[in-house]
Each structure stands twice: as structure tokens, then as C-alpha cells.
Amino acid sequence: MTEELRSLLAAGEVVLDAASEEKLEAYHAMLLEWNRNMDLTNVPEEEMALRHYADSLLPLMQKVWFTQGARLIDVGSGAGFPGMPLAIARPDMDVTLLDAQRKRCDFLQSVADKLELKNVTVMHGRAEDAARTNLRETMDAAVARAVAPLNVLCEYLLPFVRVGGYALCWKGPGLFDEMDAGRAAAAILGSAEDMLLRLPIENREHYVQAYLKQVPADARYPRRAGKPLKAPLGE
């Protein structure tokens, strides 16, 4: 996987050191092993370098989103994408992996323990509840991949983000149908400025939609668990 991943990352001038490459290989091996017994991913192994690892790491090309020593939360982390590869590639960042399923958290904690990732915290819970803890508005970046529509993601992510930080949403080509509702929801939650990055992957449309947090989020948000998905903002 390493050679293919290096080639894919070169398109965005993202370079990993030897220690990060070794840890990514170990993470990959654990993912394959655990996936035999639980539903972590249905991506074929031969496509993982592209669809999991390069997809997670190429946004590092946009350096303003991932500053030195940044605090980052991955909401709905699942098998760890994009948060775990980002934590491995950038040990200077403090990364929280949040997921509502205990079994997935057990996997993520096992990876963090085996790879001795001191910069990773695994948290079991829902975004709507966690954003009302001491994590609220403390993150430089809140990220999510394949979790929900943009307007729902805004309510999940922006309450975690400090003023001046970013909510980052990994999306396929369907994001263009979600952009108007996403902007409307982002405005309600403290962002009136957004940026779109197309990942430099040949023959693949994948993007990161970013929202800059400009003012604190209203204390009403996020709403109680389940409400953002049932009654999305911006519609």
C-alpha cells in the first residue's frame, strides 16, 4: 500500500515520514483483521489506498485548516477516517475520535494503544451531546466523512469549532445538491464564509467543503440527539 499511497499523495504535495508510513501500515493491518469480524468498511482492500488513506490525507495540502498543534475532532469516526490517518501523519495535532457505536470505539482505542498514539483520544457518544461538554468551541477543526448531508453536518460540527476554526466535510459529487442548504445552516451556526477543495485524485470527484467559524454558535445548538437529522436547518 505504501508505494501507491505515496504516489497518490504526491498530487497534493503531501509527504509522510517513515514513522508515519509504518504506523499507517500497522493501522491498515488492524483494520483488515478486525473487519473480518465486524462491519468497519466495505471498501475492497485494493481500493483502500485511494478511497480511505489518500482521501483522508490529501486535505493536508490546505495548510490553513491544519495548523501546527491544532486540536481536531472527527465526528462519526467509524473505522477512523479521516481522523486516524490525520493523527498518524500529524503527531503534533491533538485528535479526538468520536463515535456513537461502542464496538467502533473499541477498535479505535485498540489502534491508538498498539500504535502508541499519544495524540489520540477516543470518545464514545453522539455529536449533539458531546458538543455540550467542555469540548464546545475548543477545536481548531471539526471533520466528518460520509456521515450526513451538509446542513446536518454543520449542526454536528460547528458547535465544536472555536471562532476562527473550520468545519470540514468530506463529500462526493452529490455535495452540489446540498450546498445551498449547507450555507444556510452554516450561517445560523456562526459561519458566513465557505471554501471548496477538490481533492487532486484522477478520475474521481471528491471534495472537502469547509466552513469558517466567525461568531460563537447560539446556545440552542446543537439541538437534542436526533433532531438535526429529523429537522435539518437551512431547509
Protein backbone atom coordinates (compact mmCIF):
# COMPACT_ATOMS: atom_id res chain seq x y z
CA MET A 1 0.00 0.00 0.00
CA THR A 2 2.83 2.40 0.85
CA GLU A 3 4.13 2.99 -2.70
CA GLU A 4 0.65 3.52 -4.11
CA LEU A 5 -0.22 5.91 -1.29
CA ARG A 6 2.97 7.92 -1.81
CA SER A 7 2.09 8.31 -5.48
CA LEU A 8 -1.46 9.43 -4.69
CA LEU A 9 -0.33 11.94 -2.06
CA ALA A 10 2.27 13.42 -4.39
CA ALA A 11 -0.55 15.08 -6.37
CA GLY A 12 -1.18 17.28 -3.35
CA GLU A 13 2.48 17.58 -2.30
CA VAL A 14 1.70 15.71 0.91
CA VAL A 15 4.73 13.78 2.17
CA LEU A 16 4.78 11.31 5.06
CA ASP A 17 7.85 10.48 7.11
CA ALA A 18 8.99 6.87 7.61
CA ALA A 19 7.44 6.60 11.09
CA SER A 20 4.02 7.71 9.80
CA GLU A 21 4.18 5.27 6.88
CA GLU A 22 5.00 2.41 9.26
CA LYS A 23 2.10 3.29 11.56
CA LEU A 24 -0.32 3.60 8.65
CA GLU A 25 0.66 0.10 7.53
CA ALA A 26 0.06 -1.20 11.07
CA TYR A 27 -3.32 0.55 11.21
CA HIS A 28 -4.21 -0.92 7.83
CA ALA A 29 -3.34 -4.43 9.04
CA MET A 30 -5.52 -4.00 12.14
CA LEU A 31 -8.40 -2.69 10.04
CA LEU A 32 -8.27 -5.77 7.80
CA GLU A 33 -8.09 -8.10 10.81
CA TRP A 34 -10.95 -6.53 12.75
CA ASN A 35 -13.07 -6.16 9.61
CA ARG A 36 -13.29 -9.95 9.35
CA ASN A 37 -15.48 -9.98 12.47
CA MET A 38 -17.27 -6.63 12.43
CA ASP A 39 -18.59 -4.15 9.88
CA LEU A 40 -15.91 -1.46 9.71
CA THR A 41 -15.63 -0.97 5.93
CA ASN A 42 -16.94 -2.48 2.72
CA VAL A 43 -14.24 -0.91 0.55
CA PRO A 44 -12.20 -3.62 -1.23
CA GLU A 45 -8.61 -3.85 0.02
CA GLU A 46 -7.17 -2.95 -3.38
CA GLU A 47 -9.07 0.37 -3.29
CA MET A 48 -8.25 1.39 0.28
CA ALA A 49 -5.05 3.34 -0.50
CA LEU A 50 -7.16 5.65 -2.65
CA ARG A 51 -10.58 5.66 -1.02
CA HIS A 52 -9.53 5.65 2.63
CA TYR A 53 -5.97 6.85 3.14
CA ALA A 54 -5.30 9.29 0.29
CA ASP A 55 -8.83 10.64 0.65
CA SER A 56 -8.20 11.31 4.35
CA LEU A 57 -4.72 12.81 3.95
CA LEU A 58 -4.82 14.92 0.77
CA PRO A 59 -6.66 17.80 2.52
CA LEU A 60 -3.39 18.38 4.43
CA MET A 61 -2.38 20.29 1.30
CA GLN A 62 -4.63 23.09 2.58
CA LYS A 63 -2.37 24.08 5.45
CA VAL A 64 -4.59 26.80 6.92
CA TRP A 65 -7.02 24.07 8.07
CA PHE A 66 -4.35 22.04 9.87
CA THR A 67 -2.06 24.42 11.73
CA GLN A 68 0.81 23.30 13.95
CA GLY A 69 -0.51 21.88 17.24
CA ALA A 70 -4.14 22.08 16.09
CA ARG A 71 -6.95 20.47 18.07
CA LEU A 72 -9.20 18.38 15.84
CA ILE A 73 -12.32 16.26 16.37
CA ASP A 74 -13.51 13.60 13.91
CA VAL A 75 -17.28 13.24 14.33
CA GLY A 76 -18.74 9.84 13.44
CA SER A 77 -15.23 8.47 13.04
CA GLY A 78 -16.33 4.89 12.33
CA ALA A 79 -13.26 2.93 11.26
CA GLY A 80 -11.19 6.07 11.85
CA PHE A 81 -11.45 8.02 8.60
CA PRO A 82 -10.34 10.72 8.25
CA GLY A 83 -9.21 11.28 11.84
CA MET A 84 -6.86 8.34 12.43
CA PRO A 85 -4.70 8.85 9.30
CA LEU A 86 -4.54 12.58 10.09
CA ALA A 87 -3.42 11.81 13.65
CA ILE A 88 -0.75 9.41 12.36
CA ALA A 89 0.52 11.84 9.71
CA ARG A 90 0.49 14.82 12.09
CA PRO A 91 1.56 13.76 15.60
CA ASP A 92 1.71 17.44 16.56
CA MET A 93 -2.11 17.63 16.37
CA ASP A 94 -4.41 16.63 19.24
CA VAL A 95 -7.09 14.43 17.65
CA THR A 96 -10.37 13.26 19.23
CA LEU A 97 -12.20 10.41 17.50
CA LEU A 98 -15.92 10.49 18.37
CA ASP A 99 -18.33 7.69 17.52
CA ALA A 100 -21.72 6.60 18.81
CA GLN A 101 -21.02 2.85 18.45
CA ARG A 102 -19.07 1.26 21.29
CA LYS A 103 -17.61 -1.52 19.10
CA ARG A 104 -16.08 1.00 16.74
CA CYS A 105 -14.64 2.92 19.68
CA ASP A 106 -13.10 -0.33 20.94
CA PHE A 107 -11.38 -0.77 17.58
CA LEU A 108 -10.13 2.81 17.51
CA GLN A 109 -8.81 2.55 21.06
CA SER A 110 -7.02 -0.69 20.21
CA VAL A 111 -5.31 1.03 17.27
CA ALA A 112 -4.32 4.03 19.38
CA ASP A 113 -2.92 1.74 22.10
CA LYS A 114 -1.00 -0.59 19.78
CA LEU A 115 0.48 2.25 17.75
CA GLU A 116 1.17 4.31 20.91
CA LEU A 117 -0.63 7.33 19.52
CA LYS A 118 -0.37 9.73 22.44
CA ASN A 119 -2.14 12.44 20.45
CA VAL A 120 -5.37 10.43 20.02
CA THR A 121 -8.38 10.42 22.35
CA VAL A 122 -11.28 8.06 21.61
CA MET A 123 -14.70 9.20 22.83
CA HIS A 124 -17.95 7.24 22.81
CA GLY A 125 -21.03 9.42 22.30
CA ARG A 126 -23.23 11.40 19.96
CA ALA A 127 -22.19 14.72 18.47
CA GLU A 128 -25.25 16.50 19.83
CA ASP A 129 -24.34 15.52 23.40
CA ALA A 130 -20.55 15.87 23.15
CA ALA A 131 -20.87 19.42 21.79
CA ARG A 132 -22.48 20.44 25.08
CA THR A 133 -19.48 19.29 27.14
CA ASN A 134 -16.20 21.10 27.75
CA LEU A 135 -15.31 20.33 24.12
CA ARG A 136 -17.69 23.04 22.90
CA GLU A 137 -15.98 25.69 20.76
CA THR A 138 -12.49 24.43 21.63
CA MET A 139 -11.48 22.80 18.33
CA ASP A 140 -9.42 24.30 15.54
CA ALA A 141 -11.10 21.87 13.15
CA ALA A 142 -14.09 19.52 13.28
CA VAL A 143 -14.22 16.96 10.49
CA ALA A 144 -16.63 14.33 9.18
CA ARG A 145 -16.64 11.91 6.26
CA ALA A 146 -19.68 10.07 4.87
CA VAL A 147 -21.86 10.96 7.86
CA ALA A 148 -24.80 13.19 6.81
CA PRO A 149 -25.94 15.97 4.42
CA LEU A 150 -24.08 19.28 4.66
CA ASN A 151 -26.76 21.13 6.62
CA VAL A 152 -26.87 18.33 9.20
CA LEU A 153 -23.07 18.22 9.37
CA CYS A 154 -22.97 21.94 10.11
CA GLU A 155 -25.05 21.39 13.24
CA TYR A 156 -22.88 18.43 14.25
CA LEU A 157 -19.54 20.16 13.64
CA LEU A 158 -19.69 23.93 14.06
CA PRO A 159 -20.60 23.90 17.78
CA PHE A 160 -17.24 22.17 18.44
CA VAL A 161 -15.25 24.77 16.50
CA ARG A 162 -13.64 27.84 18.04
CA VAL A 163 -14.10 31.20 16.35
CA GLY A 164 -11.50 31.27 13.60
CA GLY A 165 -11.53 27.48 13.15
CA TYR A 166 -13.08 25.30 10.47
CA ALA A 167 -15.75 22.65 9.97
CA LEU A 168 -14.56 20.30 7.21
CA CYS A 169 -16.96 18.00 5.37
CA TRP A 170 -15.68 15.25 3.05
CA LYS A 171 -18.15 14.83 0.18
CA GLY A 172 -18.65 13.25 -3.24
CA PRO A 173 -20.19 14.98 -6.28
CA GLY A 174 -23.61 14.97 -4.63
CA LEU A 175 -22.50 17.86 -2.44
CA PHE A 176 -23.58 20.37 -5.10
CA ASP A 177 -27.20 19.45 -4.41
CA GLU A 178 -26.59 20.17 -0.71
CA MET A 179 -24.64 23.42 -0.92
CA ASP A 180 -27.48 25.94 -0.59
CA ALA A 181 -28.95 24.24 2.47
CA GLY A 182 -25.44 23.83 3.88
CA ARG A 183 -24.68 27.55 3.57
CA ALA A 184 -28.00 28.46 5.18
CA ALA A 185 -27.35 26.12 8.12
CA ALA A 186 -23.76 27.34 8.47
CA ALA A 187 -24.98 30.95 8.70
CA ILE A 188 -27.32 30.02 11.56
CA LEU A 189 -24.40 28.33 13.35
CA GLY A 190 -21.83 31.11 13.06
CA SER A 191 -20.30 30.82 9.58
CA ALA A 192 -20.90 33.03 6.56
CA GLU A 193 -17.77 32.07 4.63
CA ASP A 194 -17.00 28.77 2.95
CA MET A 195 -14.34 27.20 0.74
CA LEU A 196 -14.44 24.16 -1.55
CA LEU A 197 -11.40 21.96 -2.20
CA ARG A 198 -11.47 19.33 -4.93
CA LEU A 199 -9.06 16.57 -3.98
CA PRO A 200 -6.45 16.02 -6.73
CA ILE A 201 -7.36 12.40 -7.50
CA GLU A 202 -7.55 11.46 -11.17
CA ASN A 203 -10.97 10.33 -12.43
CA ARG A 204 -12.57 10.80 -9.00
CA GLU A 205 -14.78 13.63 -7.83
CA HIS A 206 -14.24 14.07 -4.13
CA TYR A 207 -14.25 17.31 -2.21
CA VAL A 208 -13.86 18.93 1.16
CA GLN A 209 -16.40 21.64 1.91
CA ALA A 210 -15.04 23.97 4.60
CA TYR A 211 -16.90 26.49 6.76
CA LEU A 212 -15.01 29.17 8.69
CA LYS A 213 -16.43 29.81 12.17
CA GLN A 214 -16.85 33.56 12.53
CA VAL A 215 -19.04 34.07 15.61
CA PRO A 216 -19.97 31.80 18.54
CA ALA A 217 -22.82 29.37 17.93
CA ASP A 218 -26.16 30.14 19.53
CA ALA A 219 -26.59 28.19 22.78
CA ARG A 220 -29.67 26.46 21.31
CA TYR A 221 -27.42 24.40 19.01
CA PRO A 222 -26.89 21.58 18.58
CA ARG A 223 -30.44 20.51 19.31
CA ARG A 224 -31.18 17.28 21.19
CA ALA A 225 -29.92 13.99 19.80
CA GLY A 226 -31.68 13.00 16.59
CA LYS A 227 -33.27 16.39 15.93
CA PRO A 228 -30.67 17.71 13.44
CA LEU A 229 -31.25 14.73 11.15
CA LYS A 230 -35.06 14.75 11.50
CA ALA A 231 -35.48 18.52 11.02
CA PRO A 232 -32.35 19.85 9.29
CA LEU A 233 -31.51 23.53 9.44
CA GLY A 234 -31.47 25.52 6.24
CA GLU A 235 -34.43 23.82 4.55
